Amino acid sequence: MTTQFKTDKAGQILFTIIVVTCCCGTAFAQAPAKAKSKVQYNVSTLASLGGTSSGGNSINDQSWVAGYSRLPNRNRHATLWRNGSLTDLGTLGGPNSSVTWNVKNTAGIIAGISQTATPEPLGENWSSAAFYSTPNNVGYINLGFVWEQNQMRGLPNFPGGNNGFATGANNLGQVVGWAENGVHDTMCVSPQVLQFRPAVWELGPPDQIHDLPLIAGDTSGAATAINDNGQIVGISGICDQAVGRHTAKHAVLWENGGVTDIGNLGAQWWNTPTAINQHGDVVGFAGDPAFVEGDILHAFIWTKDNGIQALKPLRGRVPQHVDSEAYGINEARQVVGVSCDAEQNDCRAVIWDHGVYPTDLNDLKGGASAFLASAKDINNKGEITGRAVDPSTGALIAYLAVPVTFCPWQDGV
């Protein structure tokens, strides 16, 4: 996850749990006036590449789920689930690859990160190490990639840089992320050495990289998501450890050639937009003034009309939930993410549906046995993907949750 972002060959669903549904169209006429339908979800766990961990991180309006799946040897590969089948997207020659952010486009393009076979010359861990499994999560140069027409290709870095990271792609042939340049920056925290800048790649051939402006005085940054209006969100700050924290001093929006600081919730660290919809609404997570290392984070939504607002964690939990992180938003402003206790021993997939307090998705999955631990993205059909836990094995598994209408008066409510 990360949150801190911690997070299989069969082309079939491992198991599917069906939530009981009803035909509310005829029931409404006979139901008491006070009765209302409510959304529940059919939850399907998705096939794996044979390992014990997989996760869905992106879902578009074609119901394509993209993320990662672990192989039996522990290496992770970027994975695509579509039409009931699984596709191993492969790597750029190294052990690991992953789709880590919300890609969203419906043009058949997937964006992510992959290790190459080339050893990392400066000993950097780079931003991608947290998204792979040990022992091969470090030691190789990483590139941002695009996958289209059944082929993966690496994206160029800025001159002098070794590593890159791609996060999102829109329907206009634009991919965003970040990439190193050749500047040895004293503000980098070892083992990071080189500065990195927010990047936009215009897909070719040839693929071309362009940088985005930073907030005045900042030296490094990253782009995390893009919509079809060319609006881009991301972070601006210093090089630091190349993973959030002080690199995410400012949560920013790029549009019309300029950069805007969209604010924070009281801290100048970990201010990280994760997704933007076509209306320009932004969600993400922000630092807490008392926790520089990001032990506690707070979900937010930013809109042009209302600015930045906190999205609260679950109420009434024992132990108490204090951490919340938002990862996905659709056009209806439904937001999904995670809510956790302070020790992150109890983390649950949640949805903020037009309110500052979320609903635990585990309360909306009927008899599904899989525990929904995180929700990473939601499309305009209201379909959600993320990571679940198989209660019988403890394995982490990607899931797809499809909304259905549930009629409470037909269930004795």
Protein backbone atom coordinates (compact mmCIF):
# COMPACT_ATOMS: atom_id res chain seq x y z
CA MET A 1 0.00 0.00 0.00
CA THR A 2 1.44 3.26 0.99
CA THR A 3 -0.29 4.45 2.55
CA GLN A 4 2.75 3.18 2.65
CA PHE A 5 1.76 1.15 -0.19
CA LYS A 6 2.19 -2.49 0.95
CA THR A 7 0.81 -4.63 -0.87
CA ASP A 8 -1.65 -14.57 -9.21
CA LYS A 9 -1.95 -18.17 -13.96
CA ALA A 10 -5.32 -19.38 -13.84
CA GLY A 11 -7.67 -17.33 -15.93
CA GLN A 12 -10.63 -17.96 -13.72
CA ILE A 13 -12.11 -16.69 -10.50
CA LEU A 14 -10.99 -18.60 -7.44
CA PHE A 15 -14.31 -18.24 -5.70
CA THR A 16 -17.24 -15.92 -5.91
CA ILE A 17 -19.53 -14.99 -3.09
CA ILE A 18 -22.95 -13.80 -4.19
CA VAL A 19 -24.83 -11.31 -2.10
CA VAL A 20 -28.57 -11.93 -2.11
CA THR A 21 -30.29 -9.36 -4.31
CA CYS A 22 -33.86 -8.51 -5.06
CA CYS A 23 -35.93 -6.96 -7.76
CA CYS A 24 -36.73 -3.62 -6.19
CA GLY A 25 -38.61 -2.41 -9.22
CA THR A 26 -41.74 -4.38 -8.33
CA ALA A 27 -41.19 -4.35 -4.59
CA PHE A 28 -41.26 -0.58 -4.29
CA ALA A 29 -44.97 -0.38 -5.15
CA GLN A 30 -45.89 -2.71 -2.30
CA ALA A 31 -43.29 -1.60 0.25
CA PRO A 32 -43.92 0.74 3.16
CA ALA A 33 -43.14 4.34 2.29
CA LYS A 34 -40.35 4.48 4.86
CA ALA A 35 -38.48 1.52 3.35
CA LYS A 36 -35.50 2.38 1.17
CA SER A 37 -33.20 0.29 -0.98
CA LYS A 38 -29.52 0.32 -0.13
CA VAL A 39 -26.39 -0.72 -1.95
CA GLN A 40 -24.71 -4.03 -1.21
CA TYR A 41 -21.92 -5.71 -3.17
CA ASN A 42 -21.26 -8.97 -4.94
CA VAL A 43 -17.66 -9.73 -4.03
CA SER A 44 -15.43 -11.85 -6.29
CA THR A 45 -11.85 -12.75 -5.50
CA LEU A 46 -9.56 -12.69 -8.51
CA ALA A 47 -7.19 -15.36 -9.77
CA SER A 48 -3.51 -15.23 -8.93
CA LEU A 49 -0.13 -16.06 -10.47
CA GLY A 50 0.40 -18.74 -7.83
CA GLY A 51 1.77 -16.74 -4.93
CA THR A 52 0.22 -15.66 -1.67
CA SER A 53 -0.36 -11.97 -2.37
CA SER A 54 -2.19 -9.93 -4.99
CA GLY A 55 -4.03 -6.64 -5.08
CA GLY A 56 -6.22 -4.59 -7.37
CA ASN A 57 -5.11 -0.96 -7.54
CA SER A 58 -7.02 0.39 -10.54
CA ILE A 59 -10.41 -0.16 -12.19
CA ASN A 60 -11.64 1.66 -15.29
CA ASP A 61 -15.12 1.98 -16.77
CA GLN A 62 -14.59 -1.21 -18.82
CA SER A 63 -14.22 -3.06 -15.49
CA TRP A 64 -10.54 -3.75 -16.19
CA VAL A 65 -8.79 -4.32 -12.86
CA ALA A 66 -5.04 -3.75 -12.80
CA GLY A 67 -2.56 -4.25 -9.99
CA TYR A 68 -0.05 -6.91 -9.08
CA SER A 69 0.18 -10.59 -8.24
CA ARG A 70 2.98 -12.50 -6.57
CA LEU A 71 4.55 -15.55 -8.19
CA PRO A 72 5.52 -18.65 -6.16
CA ASN A 73 9.09 -17.30 -6.03
CA ARG A 74 7.81 -14.13 -4.29
CA ASN A 75 8.48 -11.78 -7.19
CA ARG A 76 5.53 -9.61 -8.20
CA HIS A 77 4.30 -9.00 -11.72
CA ALA A 78 1.97 -6.29 -12.96
CA THR A 79 -1.37 -7.98 -13.59
CA LEU A 80 -4.55 -7.25 -15.53
CA TRP A 81 -7.89 -8.90 -14.83
CA ARG A 82 -10.55 -8.49 -17.56
CA ASN A 83 -13.57 -10.45 -18.74
CA GLY A 84 -12.91 -13.21 -16.23
CA SER A 85 -9.31 -13.83 -17.25
CA LEU A 86 -5.90 -12.90 -15.87
CA THR A 87 -2.98 -11.47 -17.86
CA ASP A 88 0.59 -11.39 -16.58
CA LEU A 89 1.94 -8.12 -18.00
CA GLY A 90 5.53 -9.28 -17.49
CA THR A 91 8.52 -7.05 -16.70
CA LEU A 92 11.19 -5.04 -18.48
CA GLY A 93 13.73 -7.80 -17.79
CA GLY A 94 13.99 -7.58 -14.02
CA PRO A 95 12.29 -9.64 -11.31
CA ASN A 96 9.39 -7.30 -10.43
CA SER A 97 6.76 -5.00 -11.87
CA SER A 98 3.50 -3.52 -10.62
CA VAL A 99 0.56 -1.26 -11.42
CA THR A 100 0.36 0.84 -8.28
CA TRP A 101 -1.97 3.80 -8.94
CA ASN A 102 -5.31 4.48 -10.66
CA VAL A 103 -4.75 4.30 -14.42
CA LYS A 104 -8.39 4.95 -15.41
CA ASN A 105 -8.20 5.33 -19.22
CA THR A 106 -10.36 3.16 -21.53
CA ALA A 107 -7.95 3.24 -24.49
CA GLY A 108 -6.24 -0.04 -23.56
CA ILE A 109 -3.21 1.55 -21.91
CA ILE A 110 -1.85 0.37 -18.55
CA ALA A 111 0.87 2.32 -16.74
CA GLY A 112 3.14 1.19 -13.93
CA ILE A 113 6.68 0.45 -12.81
CA SER A 114 9.10 -2.35 -13.64
CA GLN A 115 12.61 -3.38 -12.78
CA THR A 116 15.02 -3.83 -15.64
CA ALA A 117 17.91 -6.32 -15.67
CA THR A 118 20.41 -3.47 -15.19
CA PRO A 119 21.96 -3.13 -11.71
CA GLU A 120 21.25 0.17 -9.94
CA PRO A 121 24.59 2.03 -10.23
CA LEU A 122 24.14 4.34 -7.21
CA GLY A 123 22.66 1.81 -4.81
CA GLU A 124 19.34 3.64 -4.63
CA ASN A 125 16.19 1.92 -3.40
CA TRP A 126 14.10 4.30 -5.52
CA SER A 127 10.43 4.98 -4.94
CA SER A 128 9.36 1.55 -6.17
CA ALA A 129 11.01 -0.67 -3.54
CA ALA A 130 7.98 -0.50 -1.23
CA PHE A 131 5.75 -1.88 -4.01
CA TYR A 132 7.74 -5.09 -4.53
CA SER A 133 8.39 -8.18 -2.42
CA THR A 134 11.70 -9.03 -0.83
CA PRO A 135 14.38 -10.19 -1.49
CA ASN A 136 14.50 -8.68 -5.01
CA ASN A 137 12.81 -5.36 -4.29
CA VAL A 138 16.08 -3.42 -4.66
CA GLY A 139 19.25 -3.64 -6.73
CA TYR A 140 17.88 -2.91 -10.23
CA ILE A 141 17.12 0.18 -12.28
CA ASN A 142 13.38 0.85 -12.48
CA LEU A 143 11.48 2.47 -15.33
CA GLY A 144 7.97 3.68 -15.70
CA PHE A 145 6.20 1.53 -18.29
CA VAL A 146 3.19 1.53 -20.54
CA TRP A 147 1.50 -1.69 -21.65
CA GLU A 148 -0.65 -1.64 -24.77
CA GLN A 149 -1.45 -4.11 -27.52
CA ASN A 150 -0.02 -6.89 -25.35
CA GLN A 151 3.42 -5.32 -25.08
CA MET A 152 5.27 -3.53 -22.28
CA ARG A 153 7.78 -0.82 -23.00
CA GLY A 154 9.86 1.40 -20.76
CA LEU A 155 9.51 5.17 -20.68
CA PRO A 156 12.47 7.57 -20.91
CA ASN A 157 13.87 9.45 -17.91
CA PHE A 158 15.19 12.98 -17.77
CA PRO A 159 18.81 13.40 -18.96
CA GLY A 160 21.27 11.89 -16.46
CA GLY A 161 18.63 10.04 -14.47
CA ASN A 162 18.43 6.28 -13.97
CA ASN A 163 14.98 5.59 -12.53
CA GLY A 164 11.38 6.41 -13.38
CA PHE A 165 7.86 5.67 -12.16
CA ALA A 166 4.56 5.88 -14.11
CA THR A 167 1.28 6.26 -12.27
CA GLY A 168 -1.62 7.14 -14.57
CA ALA A 169 -2.72 7.54 -18.19
CA ASN A 170 -5.62 9.39 -19.77
CA ASN A 171 -7.42 8.85 -23.08
CA LEU A 172 -5.32 11.50 -24.87
CA GLY A 173 -2.07 9.52 -24.96
CA GLN A 174 -0.61 11.20 -21.88
CA VAL A 175 1.06 9.32 -19.01
CA VAL A 176 2.18 10.87 -15.74
CA GLY A 177 4.62 9.96 -12.99
CA TRP A 178 8.10 11.02 -11.97
CA ALA A 179 11.67 10.46 -13.12
CA GLU A 180 15.20 11.23 -12.03
CA ASN A 181 17.49 13.79 -13.57
CA GLY A 182 21.27 13.92 -13.22
CA VAL A 183 21.43 16.30 -10.25
CA HIS A 184 23.14 14.94 -7.12
CA ASP A 185 21.02 16.62 -4.46
CA THR A 186 22.28 17.10 -0.90
CA MET A 187 18.65 17.17 0.28
CA CYS A 188 18.26 13.51 -0.72
CA VAL A 189 18.27 11.05 2.18
CA SER A 190 20.57 8.04 1.64
CA PRO A 191 20.35 5.75 -0.25
CA GLN A 192 18.57 8.21 -2.61
CA VAL A 193 21.11 10.31 -4.53
CA LEU A 194 19.45 11.96 -7.52
CA GLN A 195 16.78 14.58 -7.75
CA PHE A 196 13.51 13.68 -9.46
CA ARG A 197 10.82 15.73 -11.13
CA PRO A 198 7.12 15.30 -11.93
CA ALA A 199 6.82 13.99 -15.47
CA VAL A 200 4.34 13.85 -18.34
CA TRP A 201 5.07 11.47 -21.19
CA GLU A 202 3.46 12.14 -24.56
CA LEU A 203 3.16 8.69 -26.09
CA GLY A 204 4.68 8.27 -29.53
CA PRO A 205 6.51 6.84 -31.19
CA PRO A 206 8.75 8.20 -29.94
CA ASP A 207 7.65 8.62 -26.31
CA GLN A 208 8.66 12.05 -25.08
CA ILE A 209 9.11 13.24 -21.50
CA HIS A 210 8.32 16.72 -20.17
CA ASP A 211 8.64 18.09 -16.66
CA LEU A 212 6.04 19.99 -14.67
CA PRO A 213 6.72 23.13 -12.61
CA LEU A 214 7.26 22.89 -8.86
CA ILE A 215 6.20 25.24 -6.08
CA ALA A 216 8.79 28.01 -5.76
CA GLY A 217 11.75 26.84 -3.69
CA ASP A 218 11.04 23.13 -4.15
CA THR A 219 13.45 20.82 -5.94
CA SER A 220 11.71 17.44 -6.41
CA GLY A 221 8.20 16.18 -6.98
CA ALA A 222 5.91 13.63 -8.57
CA ALA A 223 2.70 13.47 -10.60
CA THR A 224 0.24 10.84 -9.42
CA ALA A 225 -2.93 11.10 -11.56
CA ILE A 226 -4.33 12.78 -14.69
CA ASN A 227 -7.79 13.26 -16.19
CA ASP A 228 -8.97 13.80 -19.77
CA ASN A 229 -8.98 17.56 -19.29
CA GLY A 230 -5.22 17.55 -18.83
CA GLN A 231 -5.51 18.31 -15.11
CA ILE A 232 -2.73 16.59 -13.16
CA VAL A 233 -2.24 16.16 -9.43
CA GLY A 234 0.81 15.26 -7.42
CA ILE A 235 3.37 16.48 -4.91
CA SER A 236 6.08 19.13 -4.68
CA GLY A 237 8.86 19.35 -2.08
CA ILE A 238 12.44 18.24 -1.57
CA CYS A 239 14.24 15.03 -2.61
CA ASP A 240 14.19 13.51 0.90
CA GLN A 241 13.82 9.68 0.80
CA ALA A 242 12.00 9.61 -2.55
CA VAL A 243 8.92 8.18 -0.83
CA GLY A 244 6.41 10.78 0.30
CA ARG A 245 7.22 12.56 3.54
CA HIS A 246 8.98 15.89 2.82
CA THR A 247 8.83 15.34 -0.93
CA ALA A 248 5.10 15.72 -0.34
CA LYS A 249 5.39 19.12 1.32
CA HIS A 250 2.75 20.47 -1.05
CA ALA A 251 -0.24 18.70 -2.59
CA VAL A 252 -0.54 20.33 -6.00
CA LEU A 253 -2.74 20.65 -9.06
CA TRP A 254 -1.27 21.38 -12.48
CA GLU A 255 -3.51 22.97 -15.09
CA ASN A 256 -3.16 25.53 -17.87
CA GLY A 257 0.62 25.46 -17.53
CA GLY A 258 0.67 26.45 -13.88
CA VAL A 259 0.92 24.78 -10.48
CA THR A 260 -1.39 25.40 -7.50
CA ASP A 261 -0.90 24.35 -3.88
CA ILE A 262 -4.28 22.88 -2.86
CA GLY A 263 -3.51 23.00 0.86
CA ASN A 264 -3.01 20.59 3.73
CA LEU A 265 -4.57 19.50 7.02
CA GLY A 266 -1.98 21.12 9.28
CA ALA A 267 1.28 19.41 8.39
CA GLN A 268 3.93 20.05 5.74
CA TRP A 269 4.57 16.41 4.95
CA TRP A 270 2.82 13.43 3.33
CA ASN A 271 0.36 15.70 1.48
CA THR A 272 -0.38 13.32 -1.37
CA PRO A 273 -3.19 13.48 -3.94
CA THR A 274 -3.96 10.00 -5.24
CA ALA A 275 -6.78 10.49 -7.77
CA ILE A 276 -8.67 13.13 -9.77
CA ASN A 277 -11.99 12.77 -11.59
CA GLN A 278 -13.14 14.52 -14.75
CA HIS A 279 -14.74 17.30 -12.70
CA GLY A 280 -11.36 18.10 -11.16
CA ASP A 281 -12.26 16.78 -7.71
CA VAL A 282 -9.14 15.48 -5.93
CA VAL A 283 -8.71 12.91 -3.14
CA GLY A 284 -5.69 11.66 -1.25
CA PHE A 285 -4.11 11.66 2.17
CA ALA A 286 -2.31 14.26 4.26
CA GLY A 287 0.10 14.26 7.17
CA ASP A 288 -0.70 14.81 10.81
CA PRO A 289 1.35 17.54 12.54
CA ALA A 290 2.33 15.11 15.31
CA PHE A 291 3.61 12.31 13.04
CA VAL A 292 6.41 13.34 10.66
CA GLU A 293 7.10 9.78 9.59
CA GLY A 294 3.55 9.25 8.41
CA ASP A 295 2.46 6.96 11.22
CA ILE A 296 -0.95 8.64 11.16
CA LEU A 297 -2.48 10.05 7.96
CA HIS A 298 -5.81 11.67 7.16
CA ALA A 299 -7.88 11.23 4.01
CA PHE A 300 -9.02 14.36 2.21
CA ILE A 301 -11.16 15.59 -0.66
CA TRP A 302 -10.44 18.84 -2.46
CA THR A 303 -12.92 20.61 -4.71
CA LYS A 304 -12.64 23.97 -6.39
CA ASP A 305 -15.69 25.24 -4.52
CA ASN A 306 -14.91 24.00 -1.01
CA GLY A 307 -11.14 23.57 -0.91
CA ILE A 308 -9.56 20.78 1.12
CA GLN A 309 -11.67 18.87 3.66
CA ALA A 310 -10.78 15.94 5.90
CA LEU A 311 -12.50 12.57 5.40
CA LYS A 312 -12.81 10.88 8.76
CA PRO A 313 -11.96 7.28 9.75
CA LEU A 314 -14.58 4.81 10.94
CA ARG A 315 -16.40 5.58 14.16
CA GLY A 316 -17.15 3.20 17.00
CA ARG A 317 -14.26 0.80 16.37
CA VAL A 318 -12.31 -0.97 19.10
CA PRO A 319 -9.46 -0.27 18.96
CA GLN A 320 -10.33 3.26 17.85
CA HIS A 321 -9.61 4.15 14.23
CA VAL A 322 -7.52 7.30 13.82
CA ASP A 323 -5.93 6.85 10.36
CA SER A 324 -7.75 7.28 7.04
CA GLU A 325 -6.46 7.32 3.44
CA ALA A 326 -8.42 7.97 0.23
CA TYR A 327 -7.29 6.33 -3.01
CA GLY A 328 -10.07 6.52 -5.60
CA ILE A 329 -12.94 8.77 -6.68
CA ASN A 330 -15.57 8.54 -9.43
CA GLU A 331 -17.68 11.18 -11.15
CA ALA A 332 -20.41 10.83 -8.50
CA ARG A 333 -17.86 11.80 -5.83
CA GLN A 334 -17.93 8.37 -4.24
CA VAL A 335 -14.56 7.97 -2.57
CA VAL A 336 -12.87 4.73 -1.48
CA GLY A 337 -9.90 4.01 0.72
CA VAL A 338 -8.91 2.58 4.05
CA SER A 339 -9.50 3.24 7.74
CA CYS A 340 -7.09 1.97 10.42
CA ASP A 341 -6.34 1.98 14.09
CA ALA A 342 -3.14 3.64 15.30
CA GLU A 343 -1.06 0.47 15.06
CA GLN A 344 -2.56 -0.49 11.69
CA ASN A 345 -3.49 -3.88 13.09
CA ASP A 346 -7.12 -3.31 12.08
CA CYS A 347 -7.42 -1.79 8.60
CA ARG A 348 -10.69 -1.93 6.66
CA ALA A 349 -11.83 -1.03 3.15
CA VAL A 350 -14.22 1.90 3.30
CA ILE A 351 -16.37 4.12 1.10
CA TRP A 352 -17.19 7.74 1.71
CA ASP A 353 -20.49 8.16 -0.12
CA HIS A 354 -21.24 11.89 0.02
CA GLY A 355 -20.25 12.33 3.63
CA VAL A 356 -17.20 12.96 5.76
CA TYR A 357 -17.63 9.66 7.64
CA PRO A 358 -17.14 6.36 5.78
CA THR A 359 -18.95 3.03 5.71
CA ASP A 360 -17.04 -0.22 6.27
CA LEU A 361 -17.35 -2.21 3.00
CA ASN A 362 -17.32 -5.37 5.10
CA ASP A 363 -20.78 -4.32 6.31
CA LEU A 364 -22.04 -4.22 2.70
CA LYS A 365 -20.79 -7.59 1.41
CA GLY A 366 -23.49 -9.88 2.71
CA GLY A 367 -22.24 -13.40 3.35
CA ALA A 368 -18.87 -12.94 1.64
CA SER A 369 -16.17 -14.59 3.72
CA ALA A 370 -13.22 -12.60 2.37
CA PHE A 371 -12.22 -9.73 4.63
CA LEU A 372 -11.92 -6.49 2.64
CA ALA A 373 -8.76 -4.84 3.95
CA SER A 374 -8.39 -1.96 1.49
CA ALA A 375 -10.26 -0.26 -1.34
CA LYS A 376 -7.96 1.26 -3.95
CA ASP A 377 -10.21 2.45 -6.77
CA ILE A 378 -13.84 2.90 -7.85
CA ASN A 379 -15.22 3.37 -11.37
CA ASN A 380 -18.33 5.15 -12.60
CA LYS A 381 -20.39 1.96 -12.26
CA GLY A 382 -19.57 2.00 -8.56
CA GLU A 383 -17.36 -1.11 -8.91
CA ILE A 384 -14.53 -1.27 -6.42
CA THR A 385 -11.21 -3.10 -6.33
CA GLY A 386 -8.59 -3.51 -3.65
CA ARG A 387 -7.04 -6.13 -1.46
CA ALA A 388 -8.80 -8.75 0.70
CA VAL A 389 -7.72 -11.45 3.10
CA ASP A 390 -8.70 -15.10 2.61
CA PRO A 391 -9.81 -16.13 6.11
CA SER A 392 -8.91 -19.79 5.56
CA THR A 393 -5.31 -19.24 4.42
CA GLY A 394 -4.44 -15.67 5.37
CA ALA A 395 -3.45 -14.98 1.75
CA LEU A 396 -3.85 -11.46 0.41
CA ILE A 397 -6.08 -11.52 -2.69
CA ALA A 398 -7.32 -9.01 -5.24
CA TYR A 399 -11.07 -8.56 -5.33
CA LEU A 400 -13.84 -6.98 -7.37
CA ALA A 401 -16.93 -5.64 -5.58
CA VAL A 402 -19.93 -5.00 -7.83
CA PRO A 403 -22.83 -2.96 -6.42
CA VAL A 404 -26.31 -4.44 -6.37
CA THR A 405 -29.56 -3.17 -4.88
CA PHE A 406 -30.71 -4.75 -1.67
CA CYS A 407 -34.31 -4.41 -0.42
CA PRO A 408 -34.40 -4.44 3.38
CA TRP A 409 -38.14 -5.18 3.66
CA GLN A 410 -37.59 -8.47 1.88
CA ASP A 411 -35.05 -9.47 4.51
CA GLY A 412 -37.19 -8.80 7.54
CA VAL A 413 -35.72 -5.36 8.18
